[in-house]
Protein backbone atom coordinates (compact mmCIF):
# COMPACT_ATOMS: atom_id res chain seq x y z
CA MET A 1 0.27 0.10 0.60
CA SER A 2 1.37 2.84 -0.92
CA LYS A 3 2.66 5.32 1.86
CA ARG A 4 0.25 8.69 2.74
CA PRO A 5 2.48 11.78 4.03
CA LYS A 6 1.14 13.60 7.03
CA ASN A 7 -0.96 15.86 7.16
CA SER A 8 -2.25 15.63 3.43
CA ARG A 9 -5.70 15.38 2.69
CA PRO A 10 -7.29 13.56 -0.30
CA SER A 11 -10.52 14.20 0.03
CA SER A 12 -13.14 15.24 2.19
CA ARG A 13 -15.11 12.31 1.35
CA GLN A 14 -14.48 8.62 0.93
CA GLY A 15 -17.46 6.63 -0.03
CA PRO A 16 -19.92 7.71 -2.76
CA PRO A 17 -22.53 10.88 -2.82
CA ARG A 18 -24.93 10.67 -0.72
CA GLY A 19 -28.55 11.18 -1.69
CA ALA A 20 -27.09 10.37 -5.39
CA ALA A 21 -30.22 9.03 -6.52
CA PHE A 22 -30.72 9.03 -9.98
CA GLY A 23 -32.95 8.15 -13.05
CA VAL A 24 -34.41 8.73 -16.74
CA GLY A 25 -37.03 10.78 -18.13
CA ALA A 26 -40.12 11.55 -16.10
CA ALA A 27 -37.40 10.30 -12.99
CA ARG A 28 -34.95 13.38 -13.59
CA ARG A 29 -35.90 15.40 -10.78
CA THR A 30 -36.11 13.39 -7.31
CA GLN A 31 -36.56 13.69 -3.77
CA ALA A 32 -32.57 13.74 -3.71
CA GLU A 33 -31.83 16.40 -5.60
CA PRO A 34 -32.31 18.77 -2.80
CA GLU A 35 -30.03 16.89 -0.94
CA LEU A 36 -27.55 17.20 -3.55
CA HIS A 37 -27.44 20.48 -4.51
CA ARG A 38 -27.01 21.42 -0.34
CA GLU A 39 -23.88 19.55 -0.97
CA VAL A 40 -22.81 20.63 -3.51
CA ASP A 41 -22.69 23.95 -1.93
CA ARG A 42 -21.53 23.00 0.58
CA LEU A 43 -18.38 21.65 -1.30
CA LEU A 44 -18.18 25.06 -3.48
CA LEU A 45 -17.30 26.98 0.09
CA SER A 46 -14.54 24.75 0.58
CA ALA A 47 -10.84 26.44 0.61
CA SER A 48 -9.98 23.18 -2.17
CA ALA A 49 -10.45 22.30 -5.35
CA LEU A 50 -9.94 19.40 -4.14
CA ASP A 51 -13.10 18.10 -2.20
CA LEU A 52 -15.38 19.01 -5.48
CA LEU A 53 -13.14 17.44 -8.03
CA ALA A 54 -13.05 14.05 -5.53
CA TYR A 55 -16.99 14.02 -5.49
CA ALA A 56 -17.32 14.26 -9.23
CA SER A 57 -14.73 11.43 -9.51
CA THR A 58 -16.50 9.23 -6.75
CA LEU A 59 -20.44 9.96 -8.68
CA VAL A 60 -18.59 8.66 -11.60
CA ALA A 61 -16.61 5.94 -10.64
CA SER A 62 -20.40 4.75 -8.58
CA ILE A 63 -22.09 4.12 -12.49
CA GLU A 64 -19.55 3.17 -15.04
CA PRO A 65 -19.28 -0.54 -15.84
CA ALA A 66 -17.30 -2.80 -13.11
CA GLY A 67 -15.00 -3.44 -16.01
CA PRO A 68 -14.63 -3.62 -19.38
CA LEU A 69 -15.97 -6.91 -19.54
CA LYS A 70 -19.04 -6.25 -17.68
CA PRO A 71 -22.62 -4.93 -18.94
CA PRO A 72 -23.52 -1.14 -17.30
CA ARG A 73 -24.73 -1.44 -14.24
CA THR A 74 -28.91 -1.82 -14.05
CA GLY A 75 -30.98 0.90 -12.45
CA VAL A 76 -28.53 3.67 -12.73
CA PRO A 77 -27.66 6.36 -16.03
CA SER A 78 -24.36 6.37 -17.80
CA LEU A 79 -22.13 9.21 -17.73
CA THR A 80 -23.95 10.80 -21.10
CA GLU A 81 -27.52 10.67 -19.59
CA LEU A 82 -25.73 11.82 -16.21
CA ILE A 83 -24.36 15.01 -17.97
CA ALA A 84 -27.88 15.29 -19.80
CA MET A 85 -30.08 15.41 -16.90
CA PHE A 86 -27.63 18.27 -15.01
CA ARG A 87 -28.21 20.12 -18.42
CA ASP A 88 -31.50 20.15 -18.43
CA THR A 89 -31.57 21.76 -14.62
CA GLY A 90 -29.31 24.71 -15.03
CA ALA A 91 -29.22 25.25 -11.29
CA ARG A 92 -25.99 26.15 -9.80
CA ALA A 93 -25.20 23.08 -7.78
CA THR A 94 -25.53 21.34 -11.03
CA ASP A 95 -24.20 23.24 -13.18
CA ALA A 96 -21.17 22.64 -11.26
CA LEU A 97 -20.96 19.40 -11.44
CA LEU A 98 -21.53 19.86 -14.72
CA LEU A 99 -18.02 21.77 -15.84
CA VAL A 100 -16.00 18.37 -13.81
CA LEU A 101 -18.59 16.07 -15.39
CA THR A 102 -18.00 16.46 -18.82
CA ALA A 103 -13.75 17.33 -17.84
CA LEU A 104 -14.16 13.60 -16.82
CA ASP A 105 -16.18 12.43 -20.00
CA GLY A 106 -13.19 13.79 -22.15
CA ASP A 107 -15.48 15.27 -24.52
CA GLU A 108 -13.78 18.71 -25.44
CA MET A 109 -15.98 19.91 -27.74
CA LEU A 110 -19.05 19.00 -25.47
CA ALA A 111 -17.28 20.43 -22.74
CA ARG A 112 -16.46 23.91 -24.37
CA ARG A 113 -20.23 23.89 -25.25
CA ILE A 114 -21.61 23.25 -22.12
CA SER A 115 -18.65 25.70 -20.32
CA GLY A 116 -20.42 28.65 -22.87
CA GLU A 117 -23.91 27.74 -21.62
CA VAL A 118 -22.86 27.58 -17.98
CA THR A 119 -21.34 31.05 -17.83
CA ALA A 120 -24.50 32.44 -19.76
CA ARG A 121 -26.08 31.96 -16.87
CA ARG A 122 -23.75 33.42 -14.57
CA HIS A 123 -23.53 31.66 -11.11
CA PRO A 124 -21.51 32.65 -8.57
CA LEU A 125 -18.58 29.88 -9.20
CA PRO A 126 -15.03 29.50 -8.43
CA THR A 127 -12.75 30.63 -10.90
CA TRP A 128 -11.06 27.35 -10.49
CA LEU A 129 -13.77 25.66 -11.95
CA THR A 130 -14.42 27.91 -14.81
CA GLN A 131 -10.52 27.49 -15.61
CA LEU A 132 -10.68 23.39 -15.72
CA ASP A 133 -8.34 23.23 -18.85
CA ARG A 134 -5.54 25.14 -17.30
CA PHE A 135 -5.27 21.80 -15.06
CA GLN A 136 -1.93 20.77 -16.45
CA PRO A 137 0.86 17.98 -15.02
CA ALA A 138 3.89 19.31 -15.03
CA ARG A 139 6.19 16.74 -13.55
CA ALA A 140 6.52 13.07 -12.69
CA VAL A 141 8.90 10.40 -10.65
CA GLY A 142 9.04 6.73 -9.57
CA LEU A 143 9.57 6.01 -6.03
CA GLY A 144 10.46 2.34 -5.95
CA HIS A 145 13.21 -0.52 -4.11
CA VAL A 146 15.16 -2.96 -4.90
CA LEU A 147 13.46 -5.96 -4.04
CA GLY A 148 10.29 -4.13 -6.23
CA ASP A 149 7.39 -5.21 -4.86
CA GLY A 150 5.68 -2.06 -6.23
CA GLU A 151 6.50 1.76 -6.69
CA ASN A 152 4.90 5.08 -5.62
CA ILE A 153 4.49 7.25 -9.29
CA VAL A 154 3.82 10.84 -8.22
CA VAL A 155 2.26 13.41 -10.48
CA GLY A 156 3.15 16.81 -9.99
CA ILE A 157 -0.14 19.29 -11.26
CA ASP A 158 -0.12 22.79 -11.74
CA SER A 159 -3.90 24.07 -11.46
CA PRO A 160 -5.56 27.34 -11.22
CA ALA A 161 -6.58 26.21 -7.55
CA GLY A 162 -2.59 25.78 -6.66
CA GLU A 163 -0.08 23.54 -6.67
CA LEU A 164 -2.15 19.46 -6.36
CA THR A 165 -0.27 16.16 -6.53
CA PHE A 166 -1.56 12.80 -7.62
CA LEU A 167 -0.57 9.95 -5.83
CA PHE A 168 -0.26 6.05 -7.26
CA TYR A 169 0.91 2.75 -5.82
CA VAL A 170 1.46 0.55 -8.54
CA ASP A 171 1.70 -3.55 -6.93
CA HIS A 172 3.84 -5.64 -8.99
CA ASN A 173 2.95 -8.35 -7.20
CA GLU A 174 -0.52 -8.73 -8.50
CA GLY A 175 0.19 -8.27 -12.21
CA THR A 176 1.63 -4.85 -11.99
CA ALA A 177 -1.74 -2.62 -10.77
CA VAL A 178 -2.43 0.02 -9.65
CA LYS A 179 -3.97 -0.57 -5.56
CA ASP A 180 -4.43 2.61 -4.54
CA ALA A 181 -4.49 6.54 -5.75
CA TYR A 182 -5.41 9.70 -4.21
CA LEU A 183 -5.30 13.23 -5.49
CA LEU A 184 -3.79 15.64 -3.09
CA ASP A 185 -3.59 19.12 -2.22
CA VAL A 186 -0.27 19.57 -1.36
CA PRO A 187 2.53 20.46 -3.67
CA PHE A 188 4.67 17.81 -5.71
CA THR A 189 8.19 18.63 -3.32
CA GLU A 190 6.40 18.89 -0.12
CA VAL A 191 5.19 15.19 -0.97
CA THR A 192 8.03 13.40 -2.53
CA GLY A 193 9.94 14.86 0.10
CA ARG A 194 7.38 13.75 2.87
CA LEU A 195 7.61 9.82 1.12
CA GLY A 196 11.89 10.21 0.68
CA GLU A 197 12.04 11.08 5.03
CA LEU A 198 9.24 8.21 5.11
CA ALA A 199 11.59 6.10 3.59
CA CYS A 200 15.28 7.32 4.82
CA ASP A 201 15.53 4.40 7.36
CA GLU A 202 14.21 1.57 4.47
CA VAL A 203 17.39 -0.12 3.06
CA GLY A 204 16.93 -0.61 -0.81
CA THR A 205 15.06 2.57 -1.84
CA THR A 206 15.37 4.21 -5.31
CA THR A 207 14.01 7.52 -7.00
CA ILE A 208 13.66 8.06 -10.77
CA ASP A 209 12.69 11.36 -12.47
CA LEU A 210 10.48 10.07 -14.94
CA SER A 211 9.20 11.67 -18.29
CA LEU A 212 5.55 12.58 -18.51
CA ALA A 213 4.86 10.73 -21.30
CA ASP A 214 6.21 7.47 -19.43
CA ALA A 215 4.42 8.02 -16.37
CA ARG A 216 1.51 8.16 -18.71
CA ALA A 217 2.14 5.31 -19.86
CA ARG A 218 3.32 3.33 -16.68
CA ILE A 219 0.13 5.06 -15.02
CA GLU A 220 -2.91 3.56 -18.10
CA GLN A 221 -0.95 -0.20 -17.94
CA ALA A 222 -1.44 -0.29 -13.90
CA ILE A 223 -4.87 0.42 -14.39
CA GLU A 224 -5.91 -1.12 -17.33
CA THR A 225 -4.25 -4.55 -15.22
CA GLY A 226 -6.95 -3.54 -12.11
CA ARG A 227 -9.35 -3.41 -14.35
CA MET A 228 -9.13 -6.75 -15.62
CA MET A 229 -8.84 -8.42 -11.98
CA TYR A 230 -11.27 -9.71 -9.86
CA PRO A 231 -12.14 -9.27 -7.11
CA PRO A 232 -10.86 -5.44 -7.88
CA PHE A 233 -8.74 -4.03 -5.24
CA GLU A 234 -10.36 -1.09 -3.45
CA THR A 235 -9.66 1.97 -1.31
CA ASP A 236 -11.08 4.47 0.46
CA THR A 237 -9.32 6.63 -2.17
CA TRP A 238 -9.46 3.97 -5.02
CA PRO A 239 -11.64 3.18 -7.60
CA SER A 240 -12.94 6.09 -6.71
CA ALA A 241 -10.31 8.47 -7.46
CA ARG A 242 -10.02 6.30 -11.34
CA PRO A 243 -12.22 9.17 -13.39
CA LEU A 244 -10.15 12.06 -12.11
CA ALA A 245 -6.68 10.54 -12.69
CA GLU A 246 -8.42 9.20 -16.14
CA TRP A 247 -8.44 12.81 -16.86
CA MET A 248 -5.26 14.07 -15.38
CA LEU A 249 -3.57 11.23 -17.98
CA ARG A 250 -5.22 12.26 -20.50
CA ARG A 251 -3.39 15.53 -20.11
CA MET A 252 -0.31 14.06 -20.19
CA PRO A 253 1.46 13.72 -23.55
CA PRO A 254 1.63 10.07 -25.19
CA GLY A 255 4.04 7.79 -26.35
CA GLY A 256 5.65 7.18 -22.98
CA VAL A 257 7.80 3.62 -22.62
CA GLY A 258 5.44 1.70 -19.81
CA TYR A 259 6.76 -1.38 -17.89
CA PRO A 260 8.36 -4.09 -19.86
CA ASP A 261 5.77 -6.82 -20.88
CA ALA A 262 5.98 -10.14 -18.36
CA ALA A 263 4.79 -12.45 -21.45
CA ASP A 264 7.82 -11.96 -22.90
CA ALA A 265 10.08 -11.49 -20.68
CA VAL A 266 8.67 -15.73 -19.89
CA ASP A 267 8.93 -16.43 -23.34
CA GLU A 268 12.89 -15.74 -23.20
CA LEU A 269 13.63 -17.70 -20.34
CA ASP A 270 16.44 -19.72 -20.31
CA THR A 271 16.06 -21.42 -16.36
CA THR A 272 18.09 -24.29 -17.05
CA ALA A 273 20.98 -21.82 -17.98
CA LEU A 274 20.20 -20.04 -14.51
CA VAL A 275 19.93 -23.25 -12.84
CA ASP A 276 23.31 -24.15 -14.62
CA GLN A 277 24.61 -20.77 -12.89
CA LEU A 278 22.97 -21.51 -9.43
CA ALA A 279 24.93 -24.76 -9.43
CA ASN A 280 27.94 -23.24 -9.80
CA THR A 281 27.35 -21.30 -6.32
CA SER A 282 28.61 -22.38 -3.32
CA SER A 283 25.05 -22.63 -1.45
CA SER A 284 24.41 -24.63 -4.06
CA LEU A 285 27.33 -27.53 -4.14
CA ASP A 286 25.21 -30.75 -4.29
CA PHE A 287 22.70 -29.22 -6.87
CA ASP A 288 24.05 -32.40 -9.34
CA ARG A 289 26.04 -34.24 -7.07
CA ARG A 290 23.37 -36.65 -5.59
CA ASP A 291 21.60 -38.93 -7.92
CA GLY A 292 18.05 -38.93 -7.96
CA SER A 293 18.07 -35.04 -6.49
CA ASP A 294 14.82 -33.31 -7.40
CA ASP A 295 16.57 -30.13 -6.01
CA ARG A 296 17.40 -28.72 -9.98
CA ASP A 297 13.71 -29.64 -11.09
CA ILE A 298 12.62 -27.50 -7.85
CA ALA A 299 14.93 -24.58 -8.43
CA GLU A 300 14.02 -24.60 -12.19
CA THR A 301 10.12 -24.57 -10.54
CA LEU A 302 10.69 -21.25 -8.40
CA LEU A 303 12.01 -19.83 -10.84
CA GLU A 304 9.55 -20.92 -13.64
CA LEU A 305 6.75 -19.70 -11.15
CA THR A 306 8.32 -16.22 -9.92
CA ALA A 307 8.81 -15.07 -13.64
CA ASN A 308 5.01 -16.02 -14.50
CA TYR A 309 3.61 -14.49 -11.05
CA PHE A 310 5.99 -10.99 -10.81
CA GLY A 311 6.20 -9.64 -13.78
CA GLY A 312 8.77 -11.57 -15.74
CA ASP A 313 11.57 -11.52 -13.59
CA PRO A 314 12.71 -14.91 -12.16
CA LEU A 315 15.20 -12.77 -9.61
CA ARG A 316 13.28 -11.04 -8.45
CA TRP A 317 12.53 -11.99 -4.38
CA SER A 318 11.01 -10.46 -1.16
CA PRO A 319 9.83 -11.51 1.90
CA VAL A 320 6.14 -11.12 -0.20
CA THR A 321 6.85 -12.85 -3.39
CA VAL A 322 8.15 -15.86 -0.37
CA GLU A 323 4.93 -15.43 1.56
CA ILE A 324 3.03 -16.06 -1.37
CA LEU A 325 4.52 -18.45 -2.98
CA LEU A 326 4.91 -20.40 0.09
CA THR A 327 0.97 -20.21 0.95
CA ASP A 328 -0.26 -19.84 -1.93
CA LEU A 329 0.99 -20.52 -5.07
CA PHE A 330 2.98 -23.74 -4.23
CA PRO A 331 0.17 -25.52 -2.74
CA ARG A 332 -2.26 -24.59 -5.15
CA LYS A 333 -0.23 -24.90 -8.40
CA VAL A 334 2.68 -27.45 -8.05
CA HIS A 335 1.46 -31.90 -7.15
CA ALA A 336 4.26 -33.93 -6.47
CA ASP A 337 5.09 -36.72 -3.65
CA ARG A 338 5.91 -35.95 0.05
CA ARG A 339 9.92 -35.91 -0.64
CA TYR A 340 10.23 -33.18 -3.64
CA LEU A 341 7.68 -31.13 -1.63
CA SER A 342 9.76 -31.67 1.69
CA ARG A 343 12.42 -30.20 0.03
CA ILE A 344 10.86 -26.56 -1.79
CA PRO A 345 11.48 -23.99 1.29
CA GLU A 346 14.86 -25.45 1.09
CA ILE A 347 15.79 -24.41 -2.35
CA MET A 348 14.46 -21.34 -2.02
CA ARG A 349 16.82 -20.01 0.34
CA THR A 350 19.54 -21.16 -2.35
CA VAL A 351 17.21 -19.49 -5.27
CA VAL A 352 17.14 -16.73 -2.92
CA THR A 353 20.92 -16.04 -1.90
CA PHE A 354 21.61 -16.72 -5.55
CA ALA A 355 18.78 -14.18 -6.94
CA HIS A 356 19.89 -11.12 -4.65
CA LYS A 357 23.56 -12.10 -4.86
CA THR A 358 22.71 -11.57 -8.60
CA ARG A 359 20.87 -8.75 -8.27
CA GLU A 360 23.36 -6.99 -5.70
CA VAL A 361 20.78 -6.78 -3.17
CA PRO A 362 21.88 -5.91 0.55
CA ALA A 363 22.35 -8.14 2.75
CA ARG A 364 20.02 -6.64 5.10
CA LEU A 365 17.51 -7.66 2.13
CA THR A 366 18.61 -10.48 1.77
CA ALA A 367 18.44 -12.21 5.72
CA ASP A 368 14.31 -10.33 5.72
CA THR A 369 13.76 -12.67 2.88
CA LEU A 370 15.45 -15.54 4.24
CA ASP A 371 13.56 -15.16 7.70
CA SER A 372 10.15 -14.98 5.55
CA VAL A 373 10.66 -18.20 4.49
CA ASP A 374 10.94 -19.38 8.16
CA ARG A 375 8.19 -17.55 9.31
CA PHE A 376 6.11 -19.15 6.39
CA GLU A 377 7.53 -22.67 6.59
CA PRO A 378 5.14 -24.19 8.84
CA GLU A 379 2.27 -22.86 6.37
CA TYR A 380 3.55 -24.07 4.18
CA ARG A 381 3.80 -27.77 5.61
CA ARG A 382 0.35 -27.65 6.91
CA LEU A 383 -1.04 -26.77 3.27
CA THR A 384 0.72 -29.11 1.42
CA GLY A 385 1.69 -31.92 4.25
CA ALA A 386 5.38 -31.50 3.58
CA PRO A 387 7.07 -33.50 6.10
CA ARG A 388 10.57 -31.34 7.32
CA ASP A 389 13.42 -31.63 5.59
CA ALA A 390 15.59 -33.50 8.82
CA ARG A 391 18.71 -33.30 5.82
CA ALA A 392 17.82 -28.79 5.08
CA ASP A 393 18.01 -28.74 8.73
CA LEU A 394 20.61 -30.17 9.22
CA THR A 395 22.87 -28.70 6.53
CA ARG A 396 21.93 -25.57 7.38
CA GLN A 397 24.16 -25.15 10.48
CA PHE A 398 26.88 -25.44 9.09
CA SER A 399 28.29 -23.64 5.86
CA PRO A 400 28.68 -24.47 2.16
CA ASP A 401 32.15 -22.82 2.39
CA ASP A 402 33.56 -25.69 4.54
CA PRO A 403 33.33 -28.68 2.90
CA ASP A 404 34.52 -30.32 5.91
CA ALA A 405 31.46 -29.64 7.84
CA TYR A 406 28.89 -29.50 4.80
CA TYR A 407 29.39 -33.26 3.75
CA LYS A 408 29.62 -33.82 7.41
CA ALA A 409 26.04 -32.69 7.75
CA LEU A 410 25.21 -34.50 4.52
CA LEU A 411 26.15 -38.10 6.68
CA ALA A 412 24.76 -37.04 9.22
CA ALA A 413 21.19 -36.71 7.81
CA ALA A 414 21.14 -39.69 5.85
CA CYS A 415 22.40 -41.81 9.05
CA GLY A 416 20.48 -39.21 11.41
CA SER A 417 22.36 -37.40 13.68
CA VAL A 418 25.32 -35.42 14.12
CA GLU A 419 26.34 -37.72 16.67
CA ALA A 420 25.99 -41.13 14.93
CA ILE A 421 28.43 -40.14 12.90
CA GLU A 422 30.87 -39.20 15.57
CA SER A 423 30.18 -42.33 16.86
CA LEU A 424 31.45 -43.77 13.89
CA ASP A 425 35.05 -45.85 14.60
CA LEU A 426 37.59 -48.49 12.81
CA SER A 427 36.27 -51.61 15.12
CA PRO A 428 34.71 -54.76 13.30
CA LEU A 429 30.57 -55.37 14.39
CA PRO A 430 30.67 -58.03 16.61
CA ALA A 431 28.96 -61.57 14.98
CA GLU A 432 25.72 -61.62 16.70
CA SER A 433 22.85 -63.52 16.48
CA VAL A 434 19.10 -63.22 15.79
CA ARG A 435 17.49 -61.26 18.05
CA LEU A 436 13.91 -61.67 18.68
CA ASP A 437 13.25 -60.12 22.12
CA ALA A 438 11.37 -57.07 20.84
CA VAL A 439 9.47 -59.06 18.02
CA GLU A 440 6.55 -60.36 18.57
CA PRO A 441 5.71 -63.62 19.24
CA ASP A 442 3.35 -64.99 15.85
CA ILE A 443 6.23 -63.52 13.49
CA ARG A 444 9.34 -64.21 15.30
CA GLU A 445 10.15 -67.51 13.32
CA ARG A 446 9.16 -66.32 9.97
CA VAL A 447 11.26 -63.10 11.27
CA ALA A 448 14.47 -65.13 12.45
CA ALA A 449 14.05 -67.08 8.67
CA ILE A 450 14.25 -63.87 6.59
CA ALA A 451 17.25 -62.30 9.21
CA ARG A 452 19.06 -65.36 8.46
CA THR A 453 18.81 -65.63 4.92
CA ALA A 454 19.81 -62.18 4.66
CA GLY A 455 22.66 -62.29 6.47
CA ASP A 456 24.22 -65.50 5.40
CA ALA A 457 23.83 -63.30 1.78
CA GLY A 458 25.76 -60.65 2.92
CA ALA A 459 28.64 -62.45 4.66
CA GLU A 460 29.46 -64.48 1.47
CA LEU A 461 28.29 -61.78 -1.41
CA PHE A 462 30.85 -59.25 0.34
CA ASP A 463 31.67 -58.70 4.15
CA PRO A 464 31.35 -60.75 7.38
CA GLU A 465 29.94 -57.88 9.33
CA LEU A 466 27.27 -57.64 6.93
CA ARG A 467 25.50 -60.77 8.92
CA THR A 468 24.85 -58.92 11.60
CA VAL A 469 23.92 -55.90 10.08
CA ALA A 470 21.49 -57.79 8.18
CA HIS A 471 20.31 -59.38 11.25
CA ARG A 472 19.57 -55.82 13.07
CA ILE A 473 18.10 -54.11 10.12
CA VAL A 474 15.73 -56.92 9.81
CA THR A 475 14.87 -57.41 13.48
CA ARG A 476 14.22 -53.45 13.93
CA ILE A 477 12.32 -53.43 11.00
CA ALA A 478 10.01 -56.82 12.56
CA ALA A 479 9.73 -54.31 15.62
CA SER A 480 8.61 -51.47 14.12
CA ASP A 481 6.05 -52.13 11.60
CA PRO A 482 4.83 -56.34 12.15
CA ASN A 483 2.65 -56.38 9.30
CA ILE A 484 4.81 -56.16 7.06
CA PHE A 485 6.32 -59.80 8.02
CA ARG A 486 2.36 -60.58 7.83
CA ARG A 487 1.99 -60.16 4.39
CA ASN A 488 1.63 -63.58 1.52
CA SER A 489 5.12 -62.61 0.58
CA LYS A 490 7.91 -64.78 0.28
CA PRO A 491 10.82 -64.88 2.45
CA GLU A 492 13.40 -64.53 0.18
CA MET A 493 12.48 -61.90 -1.74
CA THR A 494 11.88 -59.67 1.75
CA ALA A 495 15.64 -60.79 2.73
CA ALA A 496 16.70 -59.51 -0.75
CA ALA A 497 15.16 -56.07 -0.23
CA ALA A 498 16.88 -56.06 3.75
CA LEU A 499 20.29 -57.25 2.08
CA TRP A 500 20.08 -54.25 -0.49
CA ILE A 501 18.67 -52.05 2.43
């Protein structure tokens, strides 16, 4: 959400105009009309042009279709019908609204004609209201962040009513759409200064001067994307400020450069090359060294999802994108076995580290993003049913730059614990008979026969110590899951399976 500078006033009205009941034909004059007149008269007495402008914009937003593919709202007039209705009235309040509504409508010829009609009626109106054609965007700047979650686009407007500033927040995590916008009766330099103060303690903030044409292209693109979304973004000031914003955008030069096309970026994405780079970094030593590893495929999937859902950039990782991936996209979009799902958070940490190193993101922001993986991993595992990855928990304790410690951790993960590795010595395992104390009585005879078969084969084919190993493995399995040995299977096959283990 955009940060609103302190002491700024986007509007004195936050909702649709009260009492604005409209109809057509014989229903043009309604009981609500006097209340509308009183409200507009009150706004005309305001020291700020912003109040009437915001009122008219909210009125237009309340009657326009919900989206470009939606039919007109039933039971309310179109803007054209509303203008015709007020044009017939001839009252001061409706004439004041007419001047703003025709500006928002964008028909310059109609606006000039109605301006002449209103002038001829000699209503006492604020000077700025008769000079709407002099409202002119003059400067623009983009205030963003290296992690790219979104940006504020600030547009300064020169007008007969004084300096105004339009502030737009564009969210890049939801399809690059306008999430909020409002007009302020505060000068451009004051707004940008306050935003700068709010961001002064925040690492990674960026500021770029935008041409008016580029600012228009970006904002129009983000507004159009937002209109296609369902459900749409809604705040106290958006989309009620959209008609006002579109009026200002039409007064800015065309032909600017908007945001990069995400679809083109995804089409050109080479995840294989990126994972090759990732596999060569010190943080991913095991990517190509473990037979049967899913790590490479998981990394490619993470990069592809990020590119597809976050503007075409596979290397844009932030605490917010991590949250979306772990609590929404991966649980909904990726269907795989438990082993695969259990590795995702750990590979995500590797991808984040690689992406931030590649983009030279400050270390503090990398730490924040990795903390987000830790924070949302439990929810991810709850949603997917993925067990914790014991290997990842152990290896995370060691730096991959210390090979001895790192591979010791890998071995510990395979063997169960660091203590198990440290207890190893060169003494041969002693010869042992099959111990059946922990095995249930009804399967003891079968378990003993399988253990002896596996032990004899191990000692003959490989090493005498494997006789003891086979005895221990078979009896431990029988103690933990006796039903395995109650199945109708050949003892020789079960012995072979135990020996393979």
